[in-house]
Amino acid sequence: MHKPTILLVGYDEHLCLSILYTLRKTPANFHLLTHKKKSVVRFSRYMNNVYEYVDHEEIPSAIEKIGQEINIDLIMPFDELESLEVSRHKERISKIAKVVPLTDPELFEIAINKHDLGKYLSENGVDVIPKSVELNKDSSAADLTGLKFPILLKPSRSSFGRGIITVTNEKELEKAFTEKKDFTGHAAQEFITGSDITCNIYAINGEIKHHTIQESPIKGVNNYAKNDDLIYHEDESVYQMVSDIAKALNWNGIACVDLRRDAQTGQVYLLEINGRFWGSVSGAYDKANVNFPLIMINDALYKRETKVEKTEGIQVSVSQLVKELKSLKFNNITKTKYQSYLYDPLARFLKYMPR
């Protein structure tokens, strides 16, 4: 039986190692194209070879060069900017090997830009963004009189809360506009106190084929940290909202859709769309029994449906695990995200070492 050669394209080491973990039982040769210098993925027990490039514009030519050295069966970008670049040059890159489904680059760029996304969805009858005001270099505190505190001053593109300024009263708002005079590329948005929800999807032509929904404990203002305490469950209202979003964007491939459930009203709002795999991709596999990377590979290479028997489950943080152990509740590491780390210990260990 032919072992396919799959070229992964992306920067994030954690995402790549998590994808390799979910595919560890899949008979295939894995190669990585990345601009992450000295990527620890080269030390993964599941990785054959790592190739490097400098600028994203080099991706098509880098793939062509690799294609001259090895026979590639499938090209699979897993990070956001890499997915966008491959989508832009899909016709050229498809001459080298098959490419996983990707969203049209124009719609992809709209989806990953918070400002453009809210406007686009509203124009298409999908009003799911918290109340917001777009900002520019001429904006002032007076422009935000219609918003309730706390207010977030958010860049159009960010992750894990980077670049967000939180203001809780008029004085802090005036100070923010005094210190940062140009808010071009930002928006002011009402903060929603509630639980974070992530709906991870694999869609074709705007129709969701597979999904998981994970929800975190309630978050307060200034808490933008990643969530390690997660409940994997089904929620029809969340699924329907994300289905409407995917349809409006004619989404193809994977996406991580971040939402928040208002703790008081229960209403769900869209925060952002990440056009890439997500940090808990191994959790979706271990806790919900949905192997998104394998689904993509089977669909792209063989046009074959992957049988999925979805389950509900929980993932706990290390701090929560310690609390449970102290209370003498029986528990073990398999309930944390670190279960996957045990299968690729060298690469995982080196990821935390200074370079």
Protein backbone atom coordinates (compact mmCIF):
# COMPACT_ATOMS: atom_id res chain seq x y z
CA MET A 1 0.00 0.00 0.00
CA HIS A 2 1.32 3.44 -0.97
CA LYS A 3 2.26 5.64 1.99
CA PRO A 4 1.29 9.19 1.01
CA THR A 5 3.72 12.04 1.56
CA ILE A 6 2.07 15.01 3.25
CA LEU A 7 3.66 18.45 3.34
CA LEU A 8 2.48 20.45 6.33
CA VAL A 9 2.89 24.22 6.00
CA GLY A 10 2.89 26.46 9.06
CA TYR A 11 4.72 28.27 11.84
CA ASP A 12 3.23 27.23 15.17
CA GLU A 13 5.13 24.33 16.74
CA HIS A 14 2.35 23.40 19.16
CA LEU A 15 -0.21 23.15 16.35
CA CYS A 16 2.09 21.04 14.22
CA LEU A 17 3.00 18.65 17.05
CA SER A 18 -0.66 18.31 17.99
CA ILE A 19 -1.59 17.49 14.39
CA LEU A 20 1.17 14.89 14.24
CA TYR A 21 -0.19 13.37 17.45
CA THR A 22 -3.66 12.96 15.95
CA LEU A 23 -2.11 11.38 12.84
CA ARG A 24 0.38 9.12 14.62
CA LYS A 25 -1.54 5.99 13.58
CA THR A 26 -1.92 7.17 9.99
CA PRO A 27 0.50 5.49 7.54
CA ALA A 28 2.09 8.53 5.89
CA ASN A 29 5.37 10.41 5.51
CA PHE A 30 5.22 13.87 7.06
CA HIS A 31 7.33 16.86 6.02
CA LEU A 32 7.11 20.44 7.27
CA LEU A 33 7.64 23.75 5.48
CA THR A 34 8.03 26.59 8.00
CA HIS A 35 9.61 29.98 8.59
CA LYS A 36 10.06 29.16 12.28
CA LYS A 37 13.84 29.11 12.76
CA LYS A 38 15.14 25.99 14.52
CA SER A 39 11.65 24.55 14.80
CA VAL A 40 11.57 21.76 17.40
CA VAL A 41 9.25 19.83 15.09
CA ARG A 42 12.41 18.43 13.48
CA PHE A 43 12.84 16.41 16.69
CA SER A 44 9.36 14.88 16.50
CA ARG A 45 9.35 11.11 16.20
CA TYR A 46 6.65 11.47 13.53
CA MET A 47 8.39 14.03 11.28
CA ASN A 48 10.54 13.01 8.31
CA ASN A 49 12.05 16.35 7.34
CA VAL A 50 11.75 20.11 7.93
CA TYR A 51 12.26 22.76 5.24
CA GLU A 52 12.59 26.49 5.94
CA TYR A 53 11.74 29.69 4.09
CA VAL A 54 11.98 33.38 5.07
CA ASP A 55 8.97 35.33 3.73
CA HIS A 56 5.41 34.14 3.08
CA GLU A 57 5.72 35.21 -0.54
CA GLU A 58 8.29 32.43 -0.95
CA ILE A 59 5.82 29.66 -0.12
CA PRO A 60 4.84 28.76 -3.73
CA SER A 61 8.44 28.62 -4.94
CA ALA A 62 9.53 26.75 -1.80
CA ILE A 63 6.86 24.11 -2.42
CA GLU A 64 7.94 23.82 -6.04
CA LYS A 65 11.54 23.28 -4.93
CA ILE A 66 10.53 20.61 -2.42
CA GLY A 67 8.43 18.97 -5.13
CA GLN A 68 11.58 18.53 -7.19
CA GLU A 69 13.22 16.64 -4.31
CA ILE A 70 10.34 14.42 -3.15
CA ASN A 71 7.00 13.25 -4.48
CA ILE A 72 4.35 15.15 -2.52
CA ASP A 73 0.84 13.71 -2.41
CA LEU A 74 -0.89 16.38 -0.33
CA ILE A 75 -0.17 19.97 0.75
CA MET A 76 -1.78 20.86 4.06
CA PRO A 77 -1.33 24.37 5.53
CA PHE A 78 -2.35 24.50 9.20
CA ASP A 79 -1.60 28.12 10.18
CA GLU A 80 -3.57 31.20 9.16
CA LEU A 81 -1.22 33.25 6.99
CA GLU A 82 0.17 30.12 5.37
CA SER A 83 -3.35 28.97 4.50
CA LEU A 84 -4.07 32.37 2.97
CA GLU A 85 -0.90 32.30 0.87
CA VAL A 86 -1.54 28.77 -0.40
CA SER A 87 -5.12 29.73 -1.23
CA ARG A 88 -3.90 32.75 -3.20
CA HIS A 89 -1.64 30.53 -5.30
CA LYS A 90 -3.69 27.33 -5.23
CA GLU A 91 -3.79 26.95 -9.02
CA ARG A 92 0.00 27.10 -9.21
CA ILE A 93 0.59 24.93 -6.14
CA SER A 94 -1.96 22.31 -7.26
CA LYS A 95 0.37 21.45 -10.13
CA ILE A 96 2.76 20.03 -7.55
CA ALA A 97 0.25 18.02 -5.47
CA LYS A 98 -3.30 17.97 -4.20
CA VAL A 99 -4.21 20.73 -1.74
CA VAL A 100 -6.64 20.46 1.18
CA PRO A 101 -9.86 22.52 0.82
CA LEU A 102 -9.26 26.22 1.40
CA THR A 103 -11.54 29.25 1.43
CA ASP A 104 -11.38 31.80 -1.39
CA PRO A 105 -8.64 34.30 -0.42
CA GLU A 106 -10.91 37.37 -0.56
CA LEU A 107 -13.45 35.81 1.80
CA PHE A 108 -10.63 34.38 3.94
CA GLU A 109 -9.17 37.85 4.45
CA ILE A 110 -12.59 39.19 5.43
CA ALA A 111 -13.08 36.36 7.91
CA ILE A 112 -9.83 36.89 9.80
CA ASN A 113 -10.28 40.67 10.07
CA LYS A 114 -12.66 41.48 12.94
CA HIS A 115 -13.81 44.80 11.47
CA ASP A 116 -14.40 43.55 7.95
CA LEU A 117 -16.04 40.36 9.25
CA GLY A 118 -18.66 42.21 11.34
CA LYS A 119 -19.58 44.48 8.45
CA TYR A 120 -19.72 41.61 5.94
CA LEU A 121 -21.87 39.38 8.13
CA SER A 122 -24.26 42.23 8.94
CA GLU A 123 -24.67 42.96 5.23
CA ASN A 124 -25.51 39.28 4.73
CA GLY A 125 -28.12 39.22 7.48
CA VAL A 126 -25.98 37.59 10.17
CA ASP A 127 -25.81 40.07 13.08
CA VAL A 128 -23.81 38.22 15.73
CA ILE A 129 -21.02 40.65 16.75
CA PRO A 130 -21.15 42.52 20.11
CA LYS A 131 -21.99 46.22 19.77
CA SER A 132 -18.93 47.91 18.22
CA VAL A 133 -17.66 51.20 16.81
CA GLU A 134 -14.92 51.27 14.19
CA LEU A 135 -12.01 53.59 15.02
CA ASN A 136 -9.49 55.60 13.02
CA LYS A 137 -6.86 58.31 13.52
CA ASP A 138 -9.55 60.96 14.04
CA SER A 139 -11.58 59.00 16.63
CA SER A 140 -12.07 60.30 20.16
CA ALA A 141 -13.70 59.19 23.38
CA ALA A 142 -16.81 61.15 22.40
CA ASP A 143 -17.43 58.71 19.52
CA LEU A 144 -18.08 55.89 22.00
CA THR A 145 -20.91 57.45 24.04
CA GLY A 146 -23.29 54.75 22.80
CA LEU A 147 -21.24 51.90 24.29
CA LYS A 148 -21.49 50.53 27.81
CA PHE A 149 -18.44 49.97 30.01
CA PRO A 150 -16.26 47.93 30.12
CA ILE A 151 -15.11 48.70 26.58
CA LEU A 152 -12.41 46.86 24.65
CA LEU A 153 -10.23 48.74 22.15
CA LYS A 154 -9.27 45.87 19.87
CA PRO A 155 -6.92 45.58 16.86
CA SER A 156 -8.54 44.09 13.78
CA ARG A 157 -6.17 41.13 13.91
CA SER A 158 -4.80 39.63 17.11
CA SER A 159 -4.83 36.45 19.19
CA PHE A 160 -4.79 35.55 22.89
CA GLY A 161 -5.74 39.12 23.79
CA ARG A 162 -2.62 40.74 22.34
CA GLY A 163 -2.98 44.48 21.79
CA ILE A 164 -6.36 44.81 23.52
CA ILE A 165 -6.84 47.86 25.74
CA THR A 166 -9.57 47.50 28.39
CA VAL A 167 -11.25 50.61 29.80
CA THR A 168 -13.82 50.51 32.59
CA ASN A 169 -14.80 54.19 32.95
CA GLU A 170 -14.69 57.61 31.27
CA LYS A 171 -11.36 58.56 32.86
CA GLU A 172 -9.60 55.45 31.56
CA LEU A 173 -11.16 55.99 28.13
CA GLU A 174 -9.89 59.57 27.90
CA LYS A 175 -6.43 58.41 29.01
CA ALA A 176 -6.37 55.69 26.34
CA PHE A 177 -7.09 58.19 23.56
CA THR A 178 -4.54 60.61 24.98
CA GLU A 179 -1.76 58.02 25.08
CA LYS A 180 -2.59 56.33 21.77
CA LYS A 181 -3.54 59.04 19.31
CA ASP A 182 -4.08 56.85 16.24
CA PHE A 183 -6.53 53.95 16.55
CA THR A 184 -6.54 53.10 12.84
CA GLY A 185 -7.18 49.38 12.46
CA HIS A 186 -8.98 49.14 15.80
CA ALA A 187 -12.57 48.93 16.97
CA ALA A 188 -14.24 49.69 20.29
CA GLN A 189 -16.44 46.84 21.49
CA GLU A 190 -18.62 46.26 24.53
CA PHE A 191 -17.19 43.58 26.80
CA ILE A 192 -19.41 40.55 27.37
CA THR A 193 -18.98 38.78 30.70
CA GLY A 194 -19.52 35.10 30.12
CA SER A 195 -18.08 31.77 29.05
CA ASP A 196 -15.84 31.34 26.04
CA ILE A 197 -17.08 28.94 23.39
CA THR A 198 -15.07 27.61 20.48
CA CYS A 199 -16.80 25.88 17.60
CA ASN A 200 -14.23 24.08 15.47
CA ILE A 201 -15.42 23.20 11.99
CA TYR A 202 -14.54 21.46 8.78
CA ALA A 203 -16.73 22.78 5.97
CA ILE A 204 -17.12 22.36 2.22
CA ASN A 205 -18.72 25.12 0.16
CA GLY A 206 -20.20 26.71 3.27
CA GLU A 207 -21.70 23.50 4.66
CA ILE A 208 -20.30 22.19 7.93
CA LYS A 209 -19.35 18.53 7.60
CA HIS A 210 -17.83 18.02 11.04
CA HIS A 211 -17.64 20.15 14.17
CA THR A 212 -16.88 20.16 17.88
CA ILE A 213 -18.04 22.66 20.50
CA GLN A 214 -15.97 23.35 23.59
CA GLU A 215 -16.86 25.74 26.40
CA SER A 216 -14.80 27.27 29.20
CA PRO A 217 -15.72 28.68 32.63
CA ILE A 218 -17.02 32.26 32.79
CA LYS A 219 -14.38 34.92 32.12
CA GLY A 220 -14.24 38.41 33.55
CA VAL A 221 -12.71 41.58 32.15
CA ASN A 222 -8.93 41.57 31.49
CA ASN A 223 -8.89 37.77 31.37
CA TYR A 224 -7.80 36.80 27.88
CA ALA A 225 -5.72 33.76 28.85
CA LYS A 226 -6.07 30.50 26.98
CA ASN A 227 -8.58 27.99 28.31
CA ASP A 228 -7.36 24.62 29.57
CA ASP A 229 -10.58 23.79 31.45
CA LEU A 230 -12.98 22.75 28.71
CA ILE A 231 -16.28 20.93 28.33
CA TYR A 232 -16.92 19.28 24.97
CA HIS A 233 -20.65 19.16 24.32
CA GLU A 234 -23.34 19.88 21.75
CA ASP A 235 -25.32 23.11 21.53
CA GLU A 236 -27.85 23.52 18.73
CA SER A 237 -28.00 27.33 18.96
CA VAL A 238 -24.21 27.63 18.68
CA TYR A 239 -24.12 25.16 15.81
CA GLN A 240 -26.86 27.02 13.94
CA MET A 241 -25.10 30.37 14.37
CA VAL A 242 -21.79 29.02 13.13
CA SER A 243 -23.56 27.27 10.24
CA ASP A 244 -24.99 30.64 9.15
CA ILE A 245 -21.51 32.19 9.37
CA ALA A 246 -19.88 29.38 7.37
CA LYS A 247 -22.60 29.64 4.71
CA ALA A 248 -22.22 33.42 4.42
CA LEU A 249 -18.46 33.03 3.90
CA ASN A 250 -18.79 29.95 1.65
CA TRP A 251 -16.17 28.44 3.95
CA ASN A 252 -13.91 25.63 2.79
CA GLY A 253 -11.63 23.71 5.14
CA ILE A 254 -11.05 24.11 8.85
CA ALA A 255 -11.73 27.10 11.08
CA CYS A 256 -11.72 27.94 14.77
CA VAL A 257 -14.73 30.13 15.56
CA ASP A 258 -14.47 31.95 18.91
CA LEU A 259 -17.69 33.01 20.62
CA ARG A 260 -18.88 34.16 24.03
CA ARG A 261 -22.06 33.32 25.91
CA ASP A 262 -23.45 36.24 27.95
CA ALA A 263 -23.62 35.05 31.56
CA GLN A 264 -26.81 37.05 32.22
CA THR A 265 -28.85 36.60 29.06
CA GLY A 266 -27.41 33.39 27.60
CA GLN A 267 -27.07 35.09 24.21
CA VAL A 268 -24.09 33.97 22.15
CA TYR A 269 -21.88 36.47 20.28
CA LEU A 270 -19.16 35.98 17.70
CA LEU A 271 -15.73 37.30 18.74
CA GLU A 272 -13.50 36.22 15.85
CA ILE A 273 -12.70 33.56 13.29
CA ASN A 274 -9.28 31.94 13.09
CA GLY A 275 -8.65 30.40 9.69
CA ARG A 276 -6.36 27.71 11.09
CA PHE A 277 -6.18 24.75 13.40
CA TRP A 278 -6.62 25.51 17.10
CA GLY A 279 -4.53 24.85 20.18
CA SER A 280 -6.87 22.12 21.40
CA VAL A 281 -6.95 20.08 18.17
CA SER A 282 -5.62 17.11 20.12
CA GLY A 283 -8.36 17.70 22.71
CA ALA A 284 -11.03 17.46 20.00
CA TYR A 285 -9.52 14.09 19.14
CA ASP A 286 -9.03 12.76 22.69
CA LYS A 287 -12.15 14.16 24.35
CA ALA A 288 -14.69 14.44 21.51
CA ASN A 289 -13.34 11.69 19.22
CA VAL A 290 -13.18 13.95 16.16
CA ASN A 291 -9.91 13.73 14.23
CA PHE A 292 -10.00 16.86 12.08
CA PRO A 293 -6.57 16.38 10.40
CA LEU A 294 -7.48 12.83 9.36
CA ILE A 295 -10.87 14.01 8.07
CA MET A 296 -9.12 16.58 5.86
CA ILE A 297 -6.61 14.05 4.55
CA ASN A 298 -9.21 11.42 3.74
CA ASP A 299 -11.38 13.98 1.98
CA ALA A 300 -8.57 15.62 -0.01
CA LEU A 301 -6.66 12.48 -0.99
CA TYR A 302 -9.36 9.85 -1.31
CA LYS A 303 -12.69 11.73 -1.39
CA ARG A 304 -13.61 9.42 1.45
CA GLU A 305 -15.90 10.22 4.36
CA THR A 306 -14.34 9.64 7.77
CA LYS A 307 -16.62 7.77 10.16
CA VAL A 308 -17.07 9.80 13.34
CA GLU A 309 -18.78 8.70 16.56
CA LYS A 310 -18.65 11.91 18.53
CA THR A 311 -18.44 11.84 22.32
CA GLU A 312 -18.80 14.40 25.09
CA GLY A 313 -15.91 14.93 27.48
CA ILE A 314 -13.91 17.29 29.65
CA GLN A 315 -10.36 18.61 29.71
CA VAL A 316 -8.96 20.01 32.94
CA SER A 317 -6.10 22.42 33.58
CA VAL A 318 -3.12 21.44 35.68
CA SER A 319 -4.29 23.77 38.48
CA GLN A 320 -7.69 22.09 38.51
CA LEU A 321 -6.04 18.68 38.47
CA VAL A 322 -3.95 19.62 41.51
CA LYS A 323 -7.08 20.80 43.35
CA GLU A 324 -8.80 17.51 42.65
CA LEU A 325 -5.77 15.51 43.76
CA LYS A 326 -5.58 17.53 47.00
CA SER A 327 -9.21 16.70 47.69
CA LEU A 328 -8.29 13.02 47.22
CA LYS A 329 -10.39 12.67 44.09
CA PHE A 330 -8.98 10.05 41.75
CA ASN A 331 -7.59 11.69 38.63
CA ASN A 332 -4.76 11.40 36.13
CA ILE A 333 -2.90 13.27 33.40
CA THR A 334 -5.14 11.89 30.63
CA LYS A 335 -7.75 14.48 31.63
CA THR A 336 -5.33 17.30 30.77
CA LYS A 337 -4.03 18.41 27.40
CA TYR A 338 -0.64 16.96 28.31
CA GLN A 339 -1.65 13.42 27.47
CA SER A 340 -0.51 14.03 23.89
CA TYR A 341 2.87 15.32 25.09
CA LEU A 342 3.81 11.84 26.33
CA TYR A 343 3.82 10.51 22.76
CA ASP A 344 6.40 13.00 21.49
CA PRO A 345 8.40 13.89 24.62
CA LEU A 346 11.65 15.17 23.10
CA ALA A 347 10.04 17.70 20.76
CA ARG A 348 7.59 18.81 23.46
CA PHE A 349 10.39 19.23 26.01
CA LEU A 350 12.62 21.17 23.63
CA LYS A 351 9.76 23.55 22.80
CA TYR A 352 10.12 25.06 26.27
CA MET A 353 13.89 25.37 26.11
CA PRO A 354 15.57 28.74 25.24
CA ARG A 355 16.78 29.02 21.65
